N, C-alpha and C. Protein backbone atom coordinates (compact mmCIF):
# COMPACT_ATOMS: atom_id res chain seq x y z
N MET A 1 15.12 16.18 -36.62
CA MET A 1 15.23 15.28 -35.51
C MET A 1 13.82 14.93 -35.04
N ALA A 2 13.54 13.67 -34.86
CA ALA A 2 12.22 13.22 -34.42
C ALA A 2 12.04 13.52 -32.94
N ASP A 3 10.79 13.81 -32.58
CA ASP A 3 10.49 14.02 -31.17
C ASP A 3 10.63 12.70 -30.41
N ALA A 4 11.21 12.77 -29.25
CA ALA A 4 11.35 11.57 -28.42
C ALA A 4 10.00 11.22 -27.80
N VAL A 5 9.70 9.96 -27.78
CA VAL A 5 8.47 9.48 -27.14
C VAL A 5 8.83 9.06 -25.73
N VAL A 6 8.15 9.67 -24.78
CA VAL A 6 8.41 9.35 -23.38
C VAL A 6 7.26 8.52 -22.86
N HIS A 7 7.59 7.34 -22.37
CA HIS A 7 6.58 6.47 -21.78
C HIS A 7 6.71 6.55 -20.27
N PRO A 8 5.60 6.81 -19.58
CA PRO A 8 5.70 6.87 -18.12
C PRO A 8 6.06 5.50 -17.55
N ALA A 9 6.81 5.53 -16.48
CA ALA A 9 7.17 4.27 -15.82
C ALA A 9 5.90 3.64 -15.24
N PRO A 10 5.79 2.32 -15.33
CA PRO A 10 4.61 1.68 -14.75
C PRO A 10 4.60 1.86 -13.24
N ARG A 11 3.41 2.01 -12.68
CA ARG A 11 3.29 2.17 -11.23
C ARG A 11 3.59 0.85 -10.57
N ARG A 12 4.30 0.91 -9.50
CA ARG A 12 4.63 -0.29 -8.73
C ARG A 12 3.79 -0.30 -7.47
N TYR A 13 3.30 -1.48 -7.12
CA TYR A 13 2.42 -1.65 -5.97
C TYR A 13 3.04 -2.59 -4.95
N ALA A 14 2.75 -2.34 -3.68
CA ALA A 14 3.19 -3.23 -2.60
C ALA A 14 2.02 -3.45 -1.66
N LEU A 15 1.80 -4.69 -1.28
CA LEU A 15 0.80 -5.05 -0.27
C LEU A 15 1.58 -5.46 0.97
N VAL A 16 1.39 -4.71 2.06
CA VAL A 16 2.11 -4.98 3.29
C VAL A 16 1.11 -5.37 4.36
N SER A 17 1.21 -6.61 4.84
CA SER A 17 0.30 -7.07 5.89
C SER A 17 0.90 -6.77 7.26
N GLY A 18 0.03 -6.67 8.26
CA GLY A 18 0.50 -6.30 9.59
C GLY A 18 1.12 -4.92 9.61
N ALA A 19 0.57 -4.04 8.78
CA ALA A 19 1.20 -2.75 8.52
C ALA A 19 0.75 -1.64 9.45
N ASN A 20 -0.07 -1.95 10.44
CA ASN A 20 -0.55 -0.89 11.31
C ASN A 20 0.43 -0.55 12.43
N ARG A 21 1.54 -1.34 12.55
CA ARG A 21 2.49 -1.03 13.62
C ARG A 21 3.85 -1.67 13.33
N GLY A 22 4.82 -1.25 14.07
CA GLY A 22 6.13 -1.87 14.04
C GLY A 22 6.82 -1.88 12.69
N ILE A 23 7.43 -3.01 12.39
CA ILE A 23 8.19 -3.15 11.15
C ILE A 23 7.30 -2.98 9.93
N GLY A 24 6.09 -3.54 9.96
CA GLY A 24 5.17 -3.41 8.83
C GLY A 24 4.85 -1.96 8.52
N PHE A 25 4.63 -1.16 9.56
CA PHE A 25 4.33 0.25 9.38
C PHE A 25 5.51 0.97 8.74
N GLU A 26 6.71 0.69 9.23
CA GLU A 26 7.90 1.35 8.69
C GLU A 26 8.18 0.93 7.25
N ILE A 27 7.91 -0.33 6.94
CA ILE A 27 8.06 -0.79 5.55
C ILE A 27 7.11 -0.01 4.65
N CYS A 28 5.87 0.17 5.09
CA CYS A 28 4.90 0.97 4.31
C CYS A 28 5.43 2.37 4.06
N ARG A 29 5.92 2.99 5.11
CA ARG A 29 6.41 4.37 5.01
C ARG A 29 7.58 4.45 4.02
N GLN A 30 8.52 3.56 4.15
CA GLN A 30 9.70 3.59 3.29
C GLN A 30 9.35 3.34 1.82
N LEU A 31 8.48 2.36 1.56
CA LEU A 31 8.09 2.08 0.18
C LEU A 31 7.33 3.25 -0.42
N ALA A 32 6.45 3.88 0.37
CA ALA A 32 5.70 5.03 -0.12
C ALA A 32 6.63 6.20 -0.43
N LEU A 33 7.63 6.40 0.42
CA LEU A 33 8.60 7.47 0.18
C LEU A 33 9.39 7.23 -1.10
N LYS A 34 9.54 5.97 -1.50
CA LYS A 34 10.24 5.64 -2.74
C LYS A 34 9.32 5.70 -3.95
N GLY A 35 8.04 6.08 -3.74
CA GLY A 35 7.13 6.29 -4.85
C GLY A 35 6.19 5.14 -5.18
N MET A 36 6.26 4.07 -4.42
CA MET A 36 5.36 2.95 -4.69
C MET A 36 3.96 3.25 -4.15
N VAL A 37 2.95 2.65 -4.77
CA VAL A 37 1.60 2.68 -4.22
C VAL A 37 1.55 1.56 -3.19
N VAL A 38 1.24 1.90 -1.95
CA VAL A 38 1.29 0.93 -0.86
C VAL A 38 -0.11 0.66 -0.33
N ILE A 39 -0.43 -0.63 -0.25
CA ILE A 39 -1.68 -1.06 0.37
C ILE A 39 -1.33 -1.47 1.79
N LEU A 40 -1.74 -0.65 2.74
CA LEU A 40 -1.50 -0.89 4.15
C LEU A 40 -2.60 -1.83 4.62
N ALA A 41 -2.25 -3.07 4.91
CA ALA A 41 -3.25 -4.08 5.27
C ALA A 41 -3.12 -4.45 6.74
N ALA A 42 -4.27 -4.53 7.41
CA ALA A 42 -4.30 -4.92 8.81
C ALA A 42 -5.64 -5.58 9.10
N THR A 43 -5.65 -6.48 10.07
CA THR A 43 -6.91 -7.15 10.41
C THR A 43 -7.80 -6.25 11.25
N ASP A 44 -7.21 -5.38 12.05
CA ASP A 44 -7.97 -4.48 12.91
C ASP A 44 -8.24 -3.17 12.17
N GLU A 45 -9.50 -2.94 11.83
CA GLU A 45 -9.86 -1.77 11.02
C GLU A 45 -9.49 -0.46 11.71
N LYS A 46 -9.80 -0.34 13.00
CA LYS A 46 -9.53 0.91 13.72
C LYS A 46 -8.03 1.22 13.71
N ARG A 47 -7.22 0.23 14.02
CA ARG A 47 -5.77 0.45 14.05
C ARG A 47 -5.21 0.71 12.65
N GLY A 48 -5.79 0.08 11.65
CA GLY A 48 -5.36 0.31 10.28
C GLY A 48 -5.65 1.73 9.83
N ILE A 49 -6.83 2.22 10.17
CA ILE A 49 -7.20 3.60 9.82
C ILE A 49 -6.28 4.58 10.55
N GLU A 50 -6.00 4.30 11.82
CA GLU A 50 -5.09 5.17 12.58
C GLU A 50 -3.69 5.19 11.96
N ALA A 51 -3.22 4.03 11.51
CA ALA A 51 -1.90 3.96 10.86
C ALA A 51 -1.91 4.77 9.57
N ARG A 52 -2.97 4.65 8.80
CA ARG A 52 -3.08 5.42 7.54
C ARG A 52 -3.06 6.91 7.84
N GLU A 53 -3.75 7.32 8.90
CA GLU A 53 -3.77 8.74 9.27
C GLU A 53 -2.39 9.24 9.67
N ARG A 54 -1.57 8.37 10.27
CA ARG A 54 -0.20 8.77 10.63
C ARG A 54 0.67 8.97 9.39
N LEU A 55 0.22 8.43 8.27
CA LEU A 55 0.94 8.61 7.00
C LEU A 55 0.20 9.55 6.06
N GLN A 56 -0.60 10.45 6.62
CA GLN A 56 -1.48 11.29 5.80
C GLN A 56 -0.74 12.18 4.81
N GLU A 57 0.53 12.49 5.08
CA GLU A 57 1.28 13.33 4.15
C GLU A 57 1.66 12.58 2.87
N LEU A 58 1.52 11.26 2.88
CA LEU A 58 1.83 10.44 1.70
C LEU A 58 0.52 10.06 1.02
N ASP A 59 0.32 10.54 -0.20
CA ASP A 59 -0.95 10.28 -0.88
C ASP A 59 -0.97 8.97 -1.65
N ASN A 60 0.08 8.18 -1.54
CA ASN A 60 0.15 6.91 -2.26
C ASN A 60 0.02 5.71 -1.33
N VAL A 61 -0.63 5.91 -0.18
CA VAL A 61 -0.88 4.82 0.77
C VAL A 61 -2.38 4.70 0.95
N VAL A 62 -2.89 3.48 0.80
CA VAL A 62 -4.31 3.21 1.03
C VAL A 62 -4.43 2.09 2.05
N PHE A 63 -5.50 2.11 2.83
CA PHE A 63 -5.73 1.08 3.83
C PHE A 63 -6.80 0.11 3.35
N HIS A 64 -6.56 -1.17 3.59
CA HIS A 64 -7.57 -2.21 3.37
C HIS A 64 -7.55 -3.13 4.57
N GLN A 65 -8.74 -3.35 5.16
CA GLN A 65 -8.83 -4.34 6.22
C GLN A 65 -8.69 -5.70 5.56
N LEU A 66 -7.79 -6.51 6.07
CA LEU A 66 -7.47 -7.76 5.39
C LEU A 66 -6.87 -8.76 6.36
N ASP A 67 -7.39 -9.97 6.31
CA ASP A 67 -6.79 -11.09 7.02
C ASP A 67 -6.14 -11.95 5.95
N VAL A 68 -4.81 -11.97 5.89
CA VAL A 68 -4.13 -12.68 4.81
C VAL A 68 -4.35 -14.18 4.87
N ALA A 69 -4.88 -14.69 5.97
CA ALA A 69 -5.21 -16.12 6.05
C ALA A 69 -6.45 -16.45 5.23
N ASN A 70 -7.24 -15.42 4.88
CA ASN A 70 -8.45 -15.62 4.08
C ASN A 70 -8.07 -15.45 2.60
N VAL A 71 -7.79 -16.55 1.95
CA VAL A 71 -7.29 -16.53 0.58
C VAL A 71 -8.29 -15.88 -0.38
N LEU A 72 -9.57 -16.13 -0.21
CA LEU A 72 -10.58 -15.56 -1.10
C LEU A 72 -10.56 -14.04 -1.06
N VAL A 73 -10.53 -13.47 0.12
CA VAL A 73 -10.49 -12.01 0.26
C VAL A 73 -9.21 -11.46 -0.34
N LEU A 74 -8.11 -12.14 -0.14
CA LEU A 74 -6.83 -11.71 -0.71
C LEU A 74 -6.88 -11.70 -2.23
N LEU A 75 -7.44 -12.74 -2.82
CA LEU A 75 -7.56 -12.80 -4.28
C LEU A 75 -8.48 -11.70 -4.82
N LEU A 76 -9.57 -11.42 -4.11
CA LEU A 76 -10.48 -10.35 -4.54
C LEU A 76 -9.76 -9.00 -4.52
N LEU A 77 -8.97 -8.76 -3.50
CA LEU A 77 -8.22 -7.50 -3.42
C LEU A 77 -7.21 -7.40 -4.56
N LEU A 78 -6.49 -8.46 -4.82
CA LEU A 78 -5.47 -8.42 -5.86
C LEU A 78 -6.07 -8.27 -7.25
N ASN A 79 -7.29 -8.70 -7.44
CA ASN A 79 -7.94 -8.59 -8.75
C ASN A 79 -8.73 -7.30 -8.92
N SER A 80 -8.78 -6.45 -7.88
CA SER A 80 -9.56 -5.20 -7.99
C SER A 80 -8.70 -4.08 -8.52
């Protein structure tokens, strides 16, 4: 019998804007709990860092300061 080849599932990513509070924050938490890599995006750096710290038990959440109205910055983030 041949050995089975196991391919790891591709990592799934989510970019959530306005994620430092309210519905955006909860969406980040829920997606991270489901195993997705979550980019917690907020325009206010201090509040974004605080939100990330509230999710410190989840190692698959990263914070990026981001204004989604700035298309150039958004494209740079998506290509990194």
